[in-house]
Protein backbone atom coordinates (compact mmCIF):
# COMPACT_ATOMS: atom_id res chain seq x y z
CA UNK A 1 -6.75 -22.81 -9.07
CA UNK A 2 -9.86 -20.62 -8.96
CA UNK A 3 -9.72 -18.42 -12.07
CA UNK A 4 -11.13 -15.47 -10.14
CA UNK A 5 -8.34 -15.73 -7.61
CA UNK A 6 -5.58 -14.82 -10.06
CA UNK A 7 -3.36 -13.18 -7.45
CA UNK A 8 -3.56 -15.51 -4.44
CA UNK A 9 -1.22 -18.31 -5.45
CA UNK A 10 1.39 -16.25 -7.29
CA UNK A 11 1.20 -12.89 -5.54
CA UNK A 12 1.48 -13.17 -1.77
CA UNK A 13 2.04 -9.43 -1.42
CA UNK A 14 -0.26 -6.87 -2.95
CA UNK A 15 0.29 -3.18 -3.69
CA UNK A 16 -0.12 -1.05 -0.58
CA UNK A 17 -1.66 1.90 -2.32
CA UNK A 18 -3.37 0.87 -5.51
CA UNK A 19 -7.00 1.17 -6.57
CA UNK A 20 -8.98 -1.83 -7.76
CA UNK A 21 -9.06 -0.29 -11.25
CA UNK A 22 -5.74 0.78 -12.77
CA UNK A 23 -5.19 2.74 -15.99
CA UNK A 24 -1.95 2.93 -17.97
CA UNK A 25 -1.02 4.88 -21.09
CA UNK A 26 1.20 3.24 -23.73
CA UNK A 27 4.27 5.31 -24.52
CA UNK A 28 5.34 3.42 -27.64
CA UNK A 29 3.92 1.34 -30.49
CA UNK A 30 3.94 -2.42 -30.73
CA UNK A 31 4.25 -3.73 -27.16
CA UNK A 32 2.26 -6.86 -26.37
CA UNK A 33 -0.66 -6.19 -24.04
CA UNK A 34 0.21 -9.00 -21.61
CA UNK A 35 3.76 -7.71 -21.24
CA UNK A 36 2.55 -4.12 -20.82
CA UNK A 37 0.00 -5.05 -18.13
CA UNK A 38 2.45 -7.30 -16.26
CA UNK A 39 5.11 -4.57 -16.14
CA UNK A 40 2.82 -1.73 -15.12
CA UNK A 41 0.74 -3.69 -12.60
CA UNK A 42 3.79 -5.48 -11.14
CA UNK A 43 2.38 -8.95 -11.77
CA UNK A 44 3.63 -11.92 -13.78
CA UNK A 45 2.93 -12.27 -17.49
CA UNK A 46 0.92 -15.44 -16.89
CA UNK A 47 -1.29 -13.54 -14.44
CA UNK A 48 -1.72 -10.76 -16.98
CA UNK A 49 -2.66 -13.28 -19.67
CA UNK A 50 -5.35 -14.83 -17.47
CA UNK A 51 -6.75 -11.41 -16.62
CA UNK A 52 -6.97 -10.59 -20.32
CA UNK A 53 -8.67 -13.92 -21.05
CA UNK A 54 -11.17 -13.22 -18.24
CA UNK A 55 -12.09 -9.88 -19.79
CA UNK A 56 -10.56 -7.81 -17.00
CA UNK A 57 -8.41 -5.70 -19.33
CA UNK A 58 -9.71 -3.08 -21.73
CA UNK A 59 -8.12 -0.84 -24.35
CA UNK A 60 -9.94 2.42 -24.94
CA UNK A 61 -12.86 1.12 -22.90
CA UNK A 62 -13.29 -2.04 -25.01
CA UNK A 63 -12.48 -5.57 -23.82
CA UNK A 64 -9.04 -6.48 -25.13
CA UNK A 65 -8.11 -9.58 -27.10
CA UNK A 66 -5.36 -11.87 -25.84
CA UNK A 67 -3.02 -11.14 -28.76
CA UNK A 68 -3.52 -7.35 -28.68
CA UNK A 69 -0.63 -5.02 -29.34
CA UNK A 70 -0.66 -1.42 -28.19
CA UNK A 71 -0.30 1.82 -30.08
CA UNK A 72 1.28 4.90 -28.56
CA UNK A 73 -1.36 6.77 -26.55
CA UNK A 74 -3.61 3.74 -26.01
CA UNK A 75 -5.19 3.62 -22.54
CA UNK A 76 -5.25 0.13 -21.06
CA UNK A 77 -7.38 -0.43 -17.98
CA UNK A 78 -6.99 -3.33 -15.55
CA UNK A 79 -9.97 -4.22 -13.39
CA UNK A 80 -8.92 -6.38 -10.45
CA UNK A 81 -11.04 -9.54 -10.18
CA UNK A 82 -12.95 -10.55 -7.12
CA UNK A 83 -11.07 -12.81 -4.72
CA UNK A 84 -13.28 -15.76 -3.82
CA UNK A 85 -10.87 -17.91 -1.82
CA UNK A 86 -12.77 -17.19 1.37
CA UNK A 87 -16.05 -15.42 1.94
CA UNK A 88 -15.40 -12.58 4.39
CA UNK A 89 -17.77 -12.52 7.36
CA UNK A 90 -18.60 -9.63 9.70
CA UNK A 91 -16.68 -9.80 12.98
CA UNK A 92 -17.18 -7.69 16.07
CA UNK A 93 -13.65 -6.28 16.15
CA UNK A 94 -13.17 -2.85 17.78
CA UNK A 95 -12.35 -0.06 15.33
CA UNK A 96 -10.87 3.36 15.98
CA UNK A 97 -13.01 5.43 13.64
CA UNK A 98 -11.51 8.85 12.94
CA UNK A 99 -14.28 10.04 10.60
CA UNK A 100 -17.39 8.58 9.01
CA UNK A 101 -20.25 9.77 6.82
CA UNK A 102 -22.45 8.24 4.14
CA UNK A 103 -19.61 8.00 1.62
CA UNK A 104 -16.36 7.25 3.44
CA UNK A 105 -14.99 5.91 6.68
CA UNK A 106 -11.49 6.72 7.99
CA UNK A 107 -9.97 4.21 10.40
CA UNK A 108 -6.77 4.23 12.43
CA UNK A 109 -5.53 0.68 11.72
CA UNK A 110 -3.45 -0.89 14.49
CA UNK A 111 -0.15 -2.60 13.85
CA UNK A 112 -0.66 -6.31 13.26
CA UNK A 113 -4.05 -6.06 11.55
CA UNK A 114 -4.25 -7.35 7.97
CA UNK A 115 -6.38 -5.15 5.70
CA UNK A 116 -8.36 -7.82 3.85
CA UNK A 117 -8.77 -11.61 3.93
CA UNK A 118 -6.24 -13.65 1.99
CA UNK A 119 -4.80 -17.15 2.27
CA UNK A 120 -3.50 -17.49 5.83
CA UNK A 121 -5.57 -14.53 7.05
CA UNK A 122 -9.20 -15.48 6.61
CA UNK A 123 -10.45 -13.60 9.68
CA UNK A 124 -9.56 -10.81 12.06
CA UNK A 125 -8.94 -8.38 9.22
CA UNK A 126 -9.98 -4.77 8.76
CA UNK A 127 -12.56 -5.92 6.21
CA UNK A 128 -14.18 -8.26 8.75
CA UNK A 129 -14.37 -5.37 11.21
CA UNK A 130 -15.73 -2.93 8.62
CA UNK A 131 -18.43 -5.38 7.54
CA UNK A 132 -19.66 -5.60 11.13
CA UNK A 133 -19.45 -1.84 11.69
CA UNK A 134 -20.94 -0.70 8.34
CA UNK A 135 -23.29 -3.55 7.51
CA UNK A 136 -24.13 -3.50 3.82
CA UNK A 137 -22.87 0.07 3.42
CA UNK A 138 -19.58 -0.68 1.70
CA UNK A 139 -18.57 -0.38 -1.94
CA UNK A 140 -18.83 -3.64 -3.84
CA UNK A 141 -16.09 -2.85 -6.33
CA UNK A 142 -13.43 -4.63 -4.28
CA UNK A 143 -15.31 -7.94 -4.44
CA UNK A 144 -16.33 -10.36 -1.73
CA UNK A 145 -13.05 -10.16 0.17
CA UNK A 146 -12.30 -6.45 -0.25
CA UNK A 147 -15.57 -4.54 0.06
CA UNK A 148 -14.86 -0.83 0.39
CA UNK A 149 -11.10 -1.27 0.22
CA UNK A 150 -9.48 1.29 -2.06
CA UNK A 151 -5.89 1.22 -0.76
CA UNK A 152 -3.84 -0.79 1.69
CA UNK A 153 -1.08 -0.50 4.24
CA UNK A 154 1.18 -3.27 5.49
CA UNK A 155 0.03 -5.52 8.32
CA UNK A 156 2.76 -4.21 10.64
CA UNK A 157 2.31 -0.56 9.66
CA UNK A 158 -0.22 1.36 11.72
CA UNK A 159 -2.22 4.42 10.78
CA UNK A 160 -4.95 5.92 8.66
CA UNK A 161 -6.79 4.09 5.93
CA UNK A 162 -9.91 5.13 4.04
CA UNK A 163 -12.71 2.81 2.88
CA UNK A 164 -15.54 3.64 0.49
CA UNK A 165 -19.17 3.13 1.47
CA UNK A 166 -20.55 3.20 -2.06
CA UNK A 167 -19.24 2.58 -5.58
CA UNK A 168 -19.27 6.25 -6.58
CA UNK A 169 -17.02 7.13 -3.65
CA UNK A 170 -14.76 4.16 -4.43
CA UNK A 171 -14.20 5.27 -8.02
CA UNK A 172 -13.51 8.86 -6.93
CA UNK A 173 -10.94 7.76 -4.35
CA UNK A 174 -9.30 5.38 -6.81
CA UNK A 175 -8.89 8.26 -9.27
CA UNK A 176 -7.43 10.43 -6.52
CA UNK A 177 -4.84 7.76 -5.75
CA UNK A 178 -3.78 7.75 -9.37
CA UNK A 179 -3.44 11.53 -9.65
CA UNK A 180 -1.97 11.84 -6.12
CA UNK A 181 -4.66 14.17 -4.75
CA UNK A 182 -5.18 11.50 -2.09
CA UNK A 183 -2.03 10.78 -0.12
CA UNK A 184 -0.63 10.01 3.34
CA UNK A 185 2.13 11.38 5.50
CA UNK A 186 4.11 8.90 7.57
CA UNK A 187 6.28 9.05 10.69
CA UNK A 188 9.14 6.59 11.00
CA UNK A 189 12.22 5.75 13.04
CA UNK A 190 15.18 4.62 10.95
CA UNK A 191 18.46 3.01 11.90
CA UNK A 192 21.44 5.39 11.67
CA UNK A 193 21.63 9.15 11.37
CA UNK A 194 20.17 10.86 8.33
CA UNK A 195 22.85 13.46 7.61
CA UNK A 196 20.66 15.85 5.64
CA UNK A 197 17.59 17.67 6.95
CA UNK A 198 15.56 16.42 4.00
CA UNK A 199 15.96 14.35 0.88
CA UNK A 200 14.36 12.26 -1.84
CA UNK A 201 14.83 8.63 -2.81
CA UNK A 202 14.08 8.23 -6.51
CA UNK A 203 14.61 4.55 -7.35
CA UNK A 204 12.38 2.05 -9.19
CA UNK A 205 10.86 -0.78 -7.18
CA UNK A 206 9.94 -4.27 -8.31
CA UNK A 207 9.64 -7.76 -6.93
CA UNK A 208 12.86 -9.11 -5.46
CA UNK A 209 14.57 -11.35 -8.05
CA UNK A 210 15.04 -14.29 -5.67
CA UNK A 211 12.64 -13.70 -2.73
CA UNK A 212 9.05 -13.35 -3.97
CA UNK A 213 7.82 -12.11 -0.57
CA UNK A 214 10.04 -9.05 -0.78
CA UNK A 215 10.37 -6.00 -2.99
CA UNK A 216 13.64 -4.37 -4.03
CA UNK A 217 15.13 -1.45 -5.90
CA UNK A 218 15.74 -2.74 -9.42
CA UNK A 219 17.55 -0.38 -11.76
CA UNK A 220 18.51 -0.51 -15.41
CA UNK A 221 16.24 -1.75 -18.16
CA UNK A 222 14.52 -4.39 -16.05
CA UNK A 223 10.82 -4.08 -16.85
CA UNK A 224 9.80 -5.69 -13.56
CA UNK A 225 10.36 -2.40 -11.72
CA UNK A 226 8.14 0.66 -11.51
CA UNK A 227 8.93 4.31 -10.95
CA UNK A 228 8.96 5.13 -7.22
CA UNK A 229 9.74 8.34 -5.31
CA UNK A 230 9.81 8.92 -1.54
CA UNK A 231 10.42 12.31 0.09
CA UNK A 232 11.68 12.41 3.66
CA UNK A 233 12.36 15.06 6.28
CA UNK A 234 14.40 14.72 9.47
CA UNK A 235 12.47 15.54 12.64
CA UNK A 236 14.85 14.48 15.43
CA UNK A 237 18.26 12.81 15.64
CA UNK A 238 19.38 10.37 18.31
CA UNK A 239 22.42 8.23 18.95
CA UNK A 240 22.19 5.69 16.15
CA UNK A 241 18.63 6.47 15.03
CA UNK A 242 16.59 9.20 13.33
CA UNK A 243 12.95 10.16 13.72
CA UNK A 244 11.64 11.37 10.36
CA UNK A 245 8.64 12.08 8.18
CA UNK A 246 8.05 10.40 4.83
CA UNK A 247 5.70 11.45 2.03
CA UNK A 248 5.03 9.19 -0.93
CA UNK A 249 4.97 10.59 -4.43
CA UNK A 250 4.09 7.09 -5.66
CA UNK A 251 2.58 4.15 -3.82
CA UNK A 252 4.51 0.97 -4.47
CA UNK A 253 4.44 -2.12 -2.30
CA UNK A 254 6.65 -1.67 0.80
CA UNK A 255 7.92 1.57 -0.76
CA UNK A 256 9.11 3.42 2.34
CA UNK A 257 10.64 0.27 3.80
CA UNK A 258 12.50 -0.56 0.58
CA UNK A 259 13.66 2.99 -0.13
CA UNK A 260 14.96 3.64 3.37
CA UNK A 261 16.80 0.31 3.42
CA UNK A 262 18.24 1.14 -0.01
CA UNK A 263 19.51 4.46 1.36
CA UNK A 264 21.30 2.61 4.17
CA UNK A 265 18.72 3.40 6.86
CA UNK A 266 16.24 0.52 7.31
CA UNK A 267 13.25 1.11 9.55
CA UNK A 268 13.68 0.21 13.19
CA UNK A 269 12.21 -3.25 13.74
CA UNK A 270 11.93 -4.10 10.04
CA UNK A 271 13.71 -7.45 10.05
CA UNK A 272 12.59 -8.13 6.45
CA UNK A 273 14.60 -5.22 5.07
CA UNK A 274 17.58 -5.03 7.39
CA UNK A 275 16.32 -3.57 10.66
CA UNK A 276 15.99 -5.20 14.06
CA UNK A 277 19.66 -6.01 14.60
CA UNK A 278 20.96 -3.19 16.82
CA UNK A 279 21.47 -3.62 20.56
CA UNK A 280 18.74 -1.06 21.27
CA UNK A 281 16.24 -2.92 19.09
CA UNK A 282 17.04 -6.25 20.71
CA UNK A 283 16.75 -4.83 24.25
CA UNK A 284 13.43 -3.16 23.43
CA UNK A 285 11.94 -5.91 21.27
CA UNK A 286 8.69 -6.13 23.32
CA UNK A 287 7.96 -2.48 22.46
CA UNK A 288 8.93 -2.68 18.79
CA UNK A 289 5.87 -4.23 17.22
CA UNK A 290 6.91 -4.65 13.60
CA UNK A 291 8.52 -1.81 11.68
CA UNK A 292 8.32 1.63 13.30
CA UNK A 293 6.14 3.21 10.63
CA UNK A 294 2.86 5.05 11.17
CA UNK A 295 0.54 6.71 8.63
CA UNK A 296 -0.16 9.81 10.69
CA UNK A 297 -2.02 11.98 8.16
CA UNK A 298 -4.40 11.31 5.28
CA UNK A 299 -5.34 13.98 2.75
CA UNK A 300 -8.14 13.60 0.19
CA UNK A 301 -10.95 15.40 -1.59
CA UNK A 302 -14.36 14.31 -0.36
CA UNK A 303 -15.86 12.17 -3.14
CA UNK A 304 -19.28 13.84 -2.96
CA UNK A 305 -18.56 17.48 -2.05
CA UNK A 306 -15.05 17.90 -3.43
CA UNK A 307 -13.96 19.47 -0.13
CA UNK A 308 -10.28 18.99 0.65
CA UNK A 309 -10.03 17.10 3.93
CA UNK A 310 -7.07 16.32 6.17
CA UNK A 311 -7.19 13.71 8.90
CA UNK A 312 -4.52 13.12 11.54
CA UNK A 313 -3.92 10.57 14.25
CA UNK A 314 -1.33 10.52 17.06
CA UNK A 315 1.52 8.04 17.23
CA UNK A 316 0.81 4.67 18.86
CA UNK A 317 1.80 4.35 22.51
CA UNK A 318 4.73 2.01 21.83
CA UNK A 319 6.07 4.40 19.16
CA UNK A 320 5.92 7.30 21.64
CA UNK A 321 7.59 5.22 24.35
CA UNK A 322 10.45 4.27 22.02
CA UNK A 323 10.99 7.94 21.19
CA UNK A 324 11.12 8.82 24.88
CA UNK A 325 13.70 6.10 25.50
CA UNK A 326 15.85 7.45 22.65
CA UNK A 327 15.57 11.00 24.02
CA UNK A 328 16.67 9.86 27.46
CA UNK A 329 19.69 8.14 25.89
CA UNK A 330 20.67 11.45 24.28
CA UNK A 331 20.63 13.39 27.53
């Protein structure tokens, strides 16, 4: 196994909204560094150990030793390694560019497009398209397979995603993800009727204990899970479904999908987490392209000017058509 490709074989799903450099603060004395990194980065201990051995983990800005133990207040930083399984190539794939300047590019990603190359998806990704569109003007921090990529959204989730065109912008956006000044607003259709007008799901998320391709709410003292909070607001109710908005307070893998399923309202079309089984979904399967989830707004501070910027994009056509069908059913 290529040492630089620590995540490919063991981690088939990656965090949706995580920078390529992560920082964590120790809250107690004496915890082993490998255990601390594994728990906070949602990776296995063996992966954490290899990252430490490769010099990708620091404590207080200094490269950490394999047998390090943390003191309360220590800042551990994880630098994601370059993925060298496949060398991404520019591809002339159409992009819907919402905004672009010398520092950032905002793209409306379609449902079905993978963000960056990985085993099984070596081409046709957003990265391949960005490399063709931007040439050499992408941050190199993400490595050969993730140039410019600061955060991710699921393959079957559509909507806004921001890429960095230089390393300074990349680091600024990564910091904004960590302090939540950069965030997205989503629109979704869930199965069942949300009884309240708004609510919050506060439940820790970690890798599913038996299905490694899924995430799950894991409570108790299990250190595999990480703090996760999703706020939602009802927009429109139908017979058997609800159109709603979701805002992430944290950015865990599959967070909205897992939290809504946990609350008893899986996303329409999300067969991984319990959707896709109603009569309406089966009859309208050609229109339901993956889970009905769209990142409709992206808010950030411009990495060069500091200006607060808000970008919005309309719902995809199939999403709008599904809503119209539900409205007609309610008449």
